Amino acid sequence: MSQQVYNNRHFKIYITAEGEYIVHNSHKSFESGHTHVRNFSTAKYLTKLAVHSIVPKHLSKYLLVSLIRISTDSEYKGKLYAMLRGQ
């Protein structure tokens, strides 16, 4: 069971019983529009990047894939895929 702890536009952050965080884009199905991260600040950072379509200069492969999963903007996702291929 998880509990919502944050909301930024259509992005919601939940904390699980295990203490990890789930970021979900409510404009996508849960199966294809969520990701898991270990801390709250990372979850908030992902929502900020996705809301403003910011392509970060340095981000781990896992977090790039997480951004792709929660994004609905195809142009933004294309930029993230290009960055992912460059790693």
PDB file of N, CA and C in Angstrom:
ATOM      1  N   MET A   1       0.845  -1.181   0.000  1.00  0.00           N
ATOM      2  CA  MET A   1       0.000   0.000   0.000  1.00  0.00           C
ATOM      3  C   MET A   1       0.887   1.240   0.000  1.00  0.00           C
ATOM      4  N   SER A   2       0.512   2.232  -0.764  1.00  0.00           N
ATOM      5  CA  SER A   2       1.287   3.463  -0.822  1.00  0.00           C
ATOM      6  C   SER A   2       0.384   4.660  -0.543  1.00  0.00           C
ATOM      7  N   GLN A   3       1.038   5.749  -0.153  1.00  0.00           N
ATOM      8  CA  GLN A   3       0.316   6.960   0.209  1.00  0.00           C
ATOM      9  C   GLN A   3       0.889   8.132  -0.586  1.00  0.00           C
ATOM     10  N   GLN A   4       0.021   8.958  -1.176  1.00  0.00           N
ATOM     11  CA  GLN A   4       0.483  10.115  -1.921  1.00  0.00           C
ATOM     12  C   GLN A   4       1.076  11.134  -0.955  1.00  0.00           C
ATOM     13  N   VAL A   5       2.291  11.626  -1.295  1.00  0.00           N
ATOM     14  CA  VAL A   5       2.958  12.601  -0.440  1.00  0.00           C
ATOM     15  C   VAL A   5       3.255  13.917  -1.156  1.00  0.00           C
ATOM     16  N   TYR A   6       3.045  13.947  -2.490  1.00  0.00           N
ATOM     17  CA  TYR A   6       3.374  15.159  -3.245  1.00  0.00           C
ATOM     18  C   TYR A   6       2.607  15.146  -4.551  1.00  0.00           C
ATOM     19  N   ASN A   7       2.297  16.344  -5.056  1.00  0.00           N
ATOM     20  CA  ASN A   7       1.577  16.486  -6.309  1.00  0.00           C
ATOM     21  C   ASN A   7       2.126  17.719  -7.021  1.00  0.00           C
ATOM     22  N   ASN A   8       2.526  17.561  -8.272  1.00  0.00           N
ATOM     23  CA  ASN A   8       2.998  18.679  -9.089  1.00  0.00           C
ATOM     24  C   ASN A   8       2.343  18.536 -10.454  1.00  0.00           C
ATOM     25  N   ARG A   9       1.308  19.329 -10.680  1.00  0.00           N
ATOM     26  CA  ARG A   9       0.479  19.235 -11.875  1.00  0.00           C
ATOM     27  C   ARG A   9      -0.072  17.818 -11.981  1.00  0.00           C
ATOM     28  N   HIS A  10       0.259  17.094 -13.040  1.00  0.00           N
ATOM     29  CA  HIS A  10      -0.278  15.743 -13.207  1.00  0.00           C
ATOM     30  C   HIS A  10       0.698  14.661 -12.742  1.00  0.00           C
ATOM     31  N   PHE A  11       1.744  15.054 -12.049  1.00  0.00           N
ATOM     32  CA  PHE A  11       2.694  14.096 -11.481  1.00  0.00           C
ATOM     33  C   PHE A  11       2.402  13.927  -9.999  1.00  0.00           C
ATOM     34  N   LYS A  12       2.351  12.689  -9.589  1.00  0.00           N
ATOM     35  CA  LYS A  12       2.090  12.378  -8.186  1.00  0.00           C
ATOM     36  C   LYS A  12       3.236  11.529  -7.655  1.00  0.00           C
ATOM     37  N   ILE A  13       3.592  11.772  -6.393  1.00  0.00           N
ATOM     38  CA  ILE A  13       4.636  10.982  -5.742  1.00  0.00           C
ATOM     39  C   ILE A  13       3.997  10.250  -4.584  1.00  0.00           C
ATOM     40  N   TYR A  14       4.278   8.954  -4.524  1.00  0.00           N
ATOM     41  CA  TYR A  14       3.773   8.095  -3.458  1.00  0.00           C
ATOM     42  C   TYR A  14       4.944   7.508  -2.696  1.00  0.00           C
ATOM     43  N   ILE A  15       4.767   7.283  -1.406  1.00  0.00           N
ATOM     44  CA  ILE A  15       5.749   6.546  -0.617  1.00  0.00           C
ATOM     45  C   ILE A  15       5.180   5.160  -0.363  1.00  0.00           C
ATOM     46  N   THR A  16       6.034   4.161  -0.497  1.00  0.00           N
ATOM     47  CA  THR A  16       5.596   2.786  -0.283  1.00  0.00           C
ATOM     48  C   THR A  16       5.899   2.367   1.144  1.00  0.00           C
ATOM     49  N   ALA A  17       5.368   1.227   1.542  1.00  0.00           N
ATOM     50  CA  ALA A  17       5.622   0.688   2.883  1.00  0.00           C
ATOM     51  C   ALA A  17       7.104   0.370   3.069  1.00  0.00           C
ATOM     52  N   GLU A  18       7.809   0.112   1.956  1.00  0.00           N
ATOM     53  CA  GLU A  18       9.239  -0.200   2.026  1.00  0.00           C
ATOM     54  C   GLU A  18      10.103   1.056   2.096  1.00  0.00           C
ATOM     55  N   GLY A  19       9.492   2.219   1.962  1.00  0.00           N
ATOM     56  CA  GLY A  19      10.219   3.478   2.071  1.00  0.00           C
ATOM     57  C   GLY A  19      10.756   4.018   0.755  1.00  0.00           C
ATOM     58  N   GLU A  20      10.416   3.406  -0.365  1.00  0.00           N
ATOM     59  CA  GLU A  20      10.828   3.979  -1.642  1.00  0.00           C
ATOM     60  C   GLU A  20       9.700   4.851  -2.183  1.00  0.00           C
ATOM     61  N   TYR A  21      10.021   5.613  -3.212  1.00  0.00           N
ATOM     62  CA  TYR A  21       9.056   6.559  -3.765  1.00  0.00           C
ATOM     63  C   TYR A  21       8.691   6.161  -5.191  1.00  0.00           C
ATOM     64  N   ILE A  22       7.437   6.372  -5.531  1.00  0.00           N
ATOM     65  CA  ILE A  22       6.936   6.105  -6.868  1.00  0.00           C
ATOM     66  C   ILE A  22       6.478   7.427  -7.460  1.00  0.00           C
ATOM     67  N   VAL A  23       6.998   7.741  -8.657  1.00  0.00           N
ATOM     68  CA  VAL A  23       6.565   8.922  -9.396  1.00  0.00           C
ATOM     69  C   VAL A  23       5.634   8.427 -10.500  1.00  0.00           C
ATOM     70  N   HIS A  24       4.428   9.002 -10.559  1.00  0.00           N
ATOM     71  CA  HIS A  24       3.442   8.578 -11.554  1.00  0.00           C
ATOM     72  C   HIS A  24       2.892   9.782 -12.299  1.00  0.00           C
ATOM     73  N   ASN A  25       2.856   9.662 -13.607  1.00  0.00           N
ATOM     74  CA  ASN A  25       2.215  10.664 -14.456  1.00  0.00           C
ATOM     75  C   ASN A  25       0.775  10.214 -14.633  1.00  0.00           C
ATOM     76  N   SER A  26      -0.169  10.950 -14.070  1.00  0.00           N
ATOM     77  CA  SER A  26      -1.571  10.535 -14.102  1.00  0.00           C
ATOM     78  C   SER A  26      -2.194  10.651 -15.496  1.00  0.00           C
ATOM     79  N   HIS A  27      -1.462  11.216 -16.466  1.00  0.00           N
ATOM     80  CA  HIS A  27      -1.943  11.256 -17.843  1.00  0.00           C
ATOM     81  C   HIS A  27      -1.586   9.972 -18.591  1.00  0.00           C
ATOM     82  N   LYS A  28      -0.892   9.048 -17.922  1.00  0.00           N
ATOM     83  CA  LYS A  28      -0.520   7.760 -18.507  1.00  0.00           C
ATOM     84  C   LYS A  28      -1.031   6.657 -17.591  1.00  0.00           C
ATOM     85  N   SER A  29      -1.161   5.473 -18.145  1.00  0.00           N
ATOM     86  CA  SER A  29      -1.540   4.349 -17.293  1.00  0.00           C
ATOM     87  C   SER A  29      -0.424   4.109 -16.279  1.00  0.00           C
ATOM     88  N   PHE A  30      -0.785   3.552 -15.141  1.00  0.00           N
ATOM     89  CA  PHE A  30       0.213   3.341 -14.105  1.00  0.00           C
ATOM     90  C   PHE A  30       1.333   2.426 -14.608  1.00  0.00           C
ATOM     91  N   GLU A  31       0.988   1.388 -15.341  1.00  0.00           N
ATOM     92  CA  GLU A  31       1.977   0.421 -15.804  1.00  0.00           C
ATOM     93  C   GLU A  31       3.045   1.064 -16.683  1.00  0.00           C
ATOM     94  N   SER A  32       2.661   1.997 -17.540  1.00  0.00           N
ATOM     95  CA  SER A  32       3.634   2.590 -18.458  1.00  0.00           C
ATOM     96  C   SER A  32       4.091   3.987 -18.041  1.00  0.00           C
ATOM     97  N   GLY A  33       3.518   4.553 -16.981  1.00  0.00           N
ATOM     98  CA  GLY A  33       3.828   5.937 -16.630  1.00  0.00           C
ATOM     99  C   GLY A  33       4.305   6.142 -15.213  1.00  0.00           C
ATOM    100  N   HIS A  34       5.028   5.152 -14.674  1.00  0.00           N
ATOM    101  CA  HIS A  34       5.556   5.344 -13.320  1.00  0.00           C
ATOM    102  C   HIS A  34       6.988   4.849 -13.236  1.00  0.00           C
ATOM    103  N   THR A  35       7.686   5.294 -12.201  1.00  0.00           N
ATOM    104  CA  THR A  35       9.043   4.844 -11.932  1.00  0.00           C
ATOM    105  C   THR A  35       9.269   4.836 -10.427  1.00  0.00           C
ATOM    106  N   HIS A  36      10.269   4.088  -9.996  1.00  0.00           N
ATOM    107  CA  HIS A  36      10.613   3.973  -8.583  1.00  0.00           C
ATOM    108  C   HIS A  36      11.965   4.636  -8.331  1.00  0.00           C
ATOM    109  N   VAL A  37      12.057   5.411  -7.270  1.00  0.00           N
ATOM    110  CA  VAL A  37      13.326   6.011  -6.845  1.00  0.00           C
ATOM    111  C   VAL A  37      13.459   5.851  -5.340  1.00  0.00           C
ATOM    112  N   ARG A  38      14.675   6.032  -4.853  1.00  0.00           N
ATOM    113  CA  ARG A  38      14.932   5.760  -3.435  1.00  0.00           C
ATOM    114  C   ARG A  38      14.712   6.937  -2.505  1.00  0.00           C
ATOM    115  N   ASN A  39      14.791   8.166  -3.018  1.00  0.00           N
ATOM    116  CA  ASN A  39      14.568   9.270  -2.079  1.00  0.00           C
ATOM    117  C   ASN A  39      13.647  10.339  -2.659  1.00  0.00           C
ATOM    118  N   PHE A  40      13.056  11.077  -1.756  1.00  0.00           N
ATOM    119  CA  PHE A  40      12.032  12.055  -2.088  1.00  0.00           C
ATOM    120  C   PHE A  40      12.577  13.188  -2.948  1.00  0.00           C
ATOM    121  N   SER A  41      13.781  13.656  -2.641  1.00  0.00           N
ATOM    122  CA  SER A  41      14.326  14.777  -3.411  1.00  0.00           C
ATOM    123  C   SER A  41      14.551  14.381  -4.870  1.00  0.00           C
ATOM    124  N   THR A  42      14.953  13.154  -5.117  1.00  0.00           N
ATOM    125  CA  THR A  42      15.111  12.677  -6.494  1.00  0.00           C
ATOM    126  C   THR A  42      13.761  12.609  -7.187  1.00  0.00           C
ATOM    127  N   ALA A  43      12.749  12.149  -6.488  1.00  0.00           N
ATOM    128  CA  ALA A  43      11.397  12.072  -7.048  1.00  0.00           C
ATOM    129  C   ALA A  43      10.910  13.471  -7.437  1.00  0.00           C
ATOM    130  N   LYS A  44      11.087  14.447  -6.562  1.00  0.00           N
ATOM    131  CA  LYS A  44      10.678  15.824  -6.856  1.00  0.00           C
ATOM    132  C   LYS A  44      11.472  16.390  -8.033  1.00  0.00           C
ATOM    133  N   TYR A  45      12.763  16.085  -8.080  1.00  0.00           N
ATOM    134  CA  TYR A  45      13.625  16.557  -9.164  1.00  0.00           C
ATOM    135  C   TYR A  45      13.128  16.024 -10.512  1.00  0.00           C
ATOM    136  N   LEU A  46      12.759  14.750 -10.557  1.00  0.00           N
ATOM    137  CA  LEU A  46      12.236  14.166 -11.794  1.00  0.00           C
ATOM    138  C   LEU A  46      10.951  14.864 -12.229  1.00  0.00           C
ATOM    139  N   THR A  47      10.075  15.163 -11.284  1.00  0.00           N
ATOM    140  CA  THR A  47       8.828  15.847 -11.657  1.00  0.00           C
ATOM    141  C   THR A  47       9.128  17.247 -12.203  1.00  0.00           C
ATOM    142  N   LYS A  48      10.065  17.939 -11.596  1.00  0.00           N
ATOM    143  CA  LYS A  48      10.433  19.285 -12.066  1.00  0.00           C
ATOM    144  C   LYS A  48      10.988  19.213 -13.484  1.00  0.00           C
ATOM    145  N   LEU A  49      11.891  18.264 -13.729  1.00  0.00           N
ATOM    146  CA  LEU A  49      12.467  18.115 -15.066  1.00  0.00           C
ATOM    147  C   LEU A  49      11.381  17.820 -16.094  1.00  0.00           C
ATOM    148  N   ALA A  50      10.470  16.907 -15.748  1.00  0.00           N
ATOM    149  CA  ALA A  50       9.417  16.506 -16.690  1.00  0.00           C
ATOM    150  C   ALA A  50       8.410  17.627 -16.931  1.00  0.00           C
ATOM    151  N   VAL A  51       8.014  18.336 -15.900  1.00  0.00           N
ATOM    152  CA  VAL A  51       7.033  19.426 -16.051  1.00  0.00           C
ATOM    153  C   VAL A  51       7.574  20.511 -16.975  1.00  0.00           C
ATOM    154  N   HIS A  52       8.859  20.840 -16.828  1.00  0.00           N
ATOM    155  CA  HIS A  52       9.452  21.931 -17.595  1.00  0.00           C
ATOM    156  C   HIS A  52      10.222  21.452 -18.827  1.00  0.00           C
ATOM    157  N   SER A  53      10.173  20.153 -19.102  1.00  0.00           N
ATOM    158  CA  SER A  53      10.883  19.548 -20.248  1.00  0.00           C
ATOM    159  C   SER A  53      12.355  19.931 -20.263  1.00  0.00           C
ATOM    160  N   ILE A  54      12.994  19.831 -19.113  1.00  0.00           N
ATOM    161  CA  ILE A  54      14.405  20.161 -18.970  1.00  0.00           C
ATOM    162  C   ILE A  54      15.222  18.905 -19.252  1.00  0.00           C
ATOM    163  N   VAL A  55      16.216  19.052 -20.128  1.00  0.00           N
ATOM    164  CA  VAL A  55      17.141  17.949 -20.395  1.00  0.00           C
ATOM    165  C   VAL A  55      18.382  18.217 -19.548  1.00  0.00           C
ATOM    166  N   PRO A  56      18.609  17.402 -18.525  1.00  0.00           N
ATOM    167  CA  PRO A  56      19.739  17.638 -17.634  1.00  0.00           C
ATOM    168  C   PRO A  56      21.062  17.331 -18.324  1.00  0.00           C
ATOM    169  N   LYS A  57      22.118  17.977 -17.876  1.00  0.00           N
ATOM    170  CA  LYS A  57      23.441  17.734 -18.469  1.00  0.00           C
ATOM    171  C   LYS A  57      24.000  16.388 -18.040  1.00  0.00           C
ATOM    172  N   HIS A  58      23.790  16.015 -16.795  1.00  0.00           N
ATOM    173  CA  HIS A  58      24.327  14.755 -16.283  1.00  0.00           C
ATOM    174  C   HIS A  58      23.247  14.061 -15.473  1.00  0.00           C
ATOM    175  N   LEU A  59      22.935  12.853 -15.862  1.00  0.00           N
ATOM    176  CA  LEU A  59      21.944  12.059 -15.141  1.00  0.00           C
ATOM    177  C   LEU A  59      22.254  10.601 -15.412  1.00  0.00           C
ATOM    178  N   SER A  60      22.056   9.765 -14.432  1.00  0.00           N
ATOM    179  CA  SER A  60      22.333   8.340 -14.611  1.00  0.00           C
ATOM    180  C   SER A  60      21.398   7.743 -15.654  1.00  0.00           C
ATOM    181  N   LYS A  61      21.810   6.612 -16.195  1.00  0.00           N
ATOM    182  CA  LYS A  61      20.990   5.914 -17.179  1.00  0.00           C
ATOM    183  C   LYS A  61      19.621   5.581 -16.584  1.00  0.00           C
ATOM    184  N   TYR A  62      19.604   5.125 -15.340  1.00  0.00           N
ATOM    185  CA  TYR A  62      18.354   4.765 -14.679  1.00  0.00           C
ATOM    186  C   TYR A  62      17.396   5.955 -14.621  1.00  0.00           C
ATOM    187  N   LEU A  63      17.904   7.125 -14.242  1.00  0.00           N
ATOM    188  CA  LEU A  63      17.040   8.296 -14.121  1.00  0.00           C
ATOM    189  C   LEU A  63      16.612   8.833 -15.484  1.00  0.00           C
ATOM    190  N   LEU A  64      17.455   8.689 -16.510  1.00  0.00           N
ATOM    191  CA  LEU A  64      17.039   9.066 -17.862  1.00  0.00           C
ATOM    192  C   LEU A  64      15.882   8.183 -18.324  1.00  0.00           C
ATOM    193  N   VAL A  65      15.995   6.880 -18.100  1.00  0.00           N
ATOM    194  CA  VAL A  65      14.916   5.962 -18.458  1.00  0.00           C
ATOM    195  C   VAL A  65      13.664   6.294 -17.648  1.00  0.00           C
ATOM    196  N   SER A  66      13.845   6.662 -16.380  1.00  0.00           N
ATOM    197  CA  SER A  66      12.709   7.050 -15.542  1.00  0.00           C
ATOM    198  C   SER A  66      11.984   8.259 -16.124  1.00  0.00           C
ATOM    199  N   LEU A  67      12.738   9.254 -16.569  1.00  0.00           N
ATOM    200  CA  LEU A  67      12.136  10.444 -17.183  1.00  0.00           C
ATOM    201  C   LEU A  67      11.377  10.082 -18.457  1.00  0.00           C
ATOM    202  N   ILE A  68      11.952   9.202 -19.257  1.00  0.00           N
ATOM    203  CA  ILE A  68      11.286   8.760 -20.478  1.00  0.00           C
ATOM    204  C   ILE A  68       9.968   8.076 -20.131  1.00  0.00           C
ATOM    205  N   ARG A  69       9.968   7.244 -19.098  1.00  0.00           N
ATOM    206  CA  ARG A  69       8.760   6.526 -18.697  1.00  0.00           C
ATOM    207  C   ARG A  69       7.639   7.467 -18.254  1.00  0.00           C
ATOM    208  N   ILE A  70       7.979   8.540 -17.540  1.00  0.00           N
ATOM    209  CA  ILE A  70       6.927   9.395 -16.986  1.00  0.00           C
ATOM    210  C   ILE A  70       6.528  10.537 -17.920  1.00  0.00           C
ATOM    211  N   SER A  71       7.268  10.742 -18.999  1.00  0.00           N
ATOM    212  CA  SER A  71       6.971  11.856 -19.898  1.00  0.00           C
ATOM    213  C   SER A  71       5.939  11.473 -20.952  1.00  0.00           C
ATOM    214  N   THR A  72       5.142  12.462 -21.365  1.00  0.00           N
ATOM    215  CA  THR A  72       4.195  12.281 -22.472  1.00  0.00           C
ATOM    216  C   THR A  72       4.598  13.107 -23.694  1.00  0.00           C
ATOM    217  N   ASP A  73       5.570  13.977 -23.555  1.00  0.00           N
ATOM    218  CA  ASP A  73       6.018  14.868 -24.621  1.00  0.00           C
ATOM    219  C   ASP A  73       7.004  14.123 -25.530  1.00  0.00           C
ATOM    220  N   SER A  74       6.596  13.819 -26.759  1.00  0.00           N
ATOM    221  CA  SER A  74       7.439  13.011 -27.650  1.00  0.00           C
ATOM    222  C   SER A  74       8.731  13.727 -28.041  1.00  0.00           C
ATOM    223  N   GLU A  75       8.693  15.036 -28.200  1.00  0.00           N
ATOM    224  CA  GLU A  75       9.914  15.775 -28.528  1.00  0.00           C
ATOM    225  C   GLU A  75      10.906  15.699 -27.365  1.00  0.00           C
ATOM    226  N   TYR A  76      10.422  15.886 -26.161  1.00  0.00           N
ATOM    227  CA  TYR A  76      11.261  15.799 -24.969  1.00  0.00           C
ATOM    228  C   TYR A  76      11.840  14.383 -24.825  1.00  0.00           C
ATOM    229  N   LYS A  77      10.995  13.383 -25.033  1.00  0.00           N
ATOM    230  CA  LYS A  77      11.458  12.000 -24.943  1.00  0.00           C
ATOM    231  C   LYS A  77      12.537  11.717 -25.989  1.00  0.00           C
ATOM    232  N   GLY A  78      12.407  12.305 -27.171  1.00  0.00           N
ATOM    233  CA  GLY A  78      13.432  12.138 -28.206  1.00  0.00           C
ATOM    234  C   GLY A  78      14.770  12.690 -27.767  1.00  0.00           C
ATOM    235  N   LYS A  79      14.757  13.839 -27.117  1.00  0.00           N
ATOM    236  CA  LYS A  79      15.997  14.430 -26.600  1.00  0.00           C
ATOM    237  C   LYS A  79      16.604  13.552 -25.504  1.00  0.00           C
ATOM    238  N   LEU A  80      15.757  12.985 -24.661  1.00  0.00           N
ATOM    239  CA  LEU A  80      16.247  12.104 -23.595  1.00  0.00           C
ATOM    240  C   LEU A  80      16.832  10.819 -24.184  1.00  0.00           C
ATOM    241  N   TYR A  81      16.173  10.248 -25.212  1.00  0.00           N
ATOM    242  CA  TYR A  81      16.706   9.065 -25.885  1.00  0.00           C
ATOM    243  C   TYR A  81      18.071   9.361 -26.508  1.00  0.00           C
ATOM    244  N   ALA A  82      18.202  10.530 -27.118  1.00  0.00           N
ATOM    245  CA  ALA A  82      19.486  10.918 -27.727  1.00  0.00           C
ATOM    246  C   ALA A  82      20.569  11.012 -26.664  1.00  0.00           C
ATOM    247  N   MET A  83      20.225  11.567 -25.541  1.00  0.00           N
ATOM    248  CA  MET A  83      21.192  11.660 -24.434  1.00  0.00           C
ATOM    249  C   MET A  83      21.550  10.266 -23.924  1.00  0.00           C
ATOM    250  N   LEU A  84      20.567   9.399 -23.853  1.00  0.00           N
ATOM    251  CA  LEU A  84      20.775   8.023 -23.387  1.00  0.00           C
ATOM    252  C   LEU A  84      21.722   7.280 -24.334  1.00  0.00           C
ATOM    253  N   ARG A  85      21.544   7.460 -25.633  1.00  0.00           N
ATOM    254  CA  ARG A  85      22.422   6.807 -26.608  1.00  0.00           C
ATOM    255  C   ARG A  85      23.850   7.331 -26.528  1.00  0.00           C
ATOM    256  N   GLY A  86      23.988   8.581 -26.104  1.00  0.00           N
ATOM    257  CA  GLY A  86      25.318   9.189 -25.994  1.00  0.00           C
ATOM    258  C   GLY A  86      26.104   8.718 -24.791  1.00  0.00           C
ATOM    259  N   GLN A  87      25.468   8.004 -23.860  1.00  0.00           N
ATOM    260  CA  GLN A  87      26.190   7.553 -22.660  1.00  0.00           C
ATOM    261  C   GLN A  87      26.963   6.304 -22.920  1.00  0.00           C
TER     262      GLN A  87
END
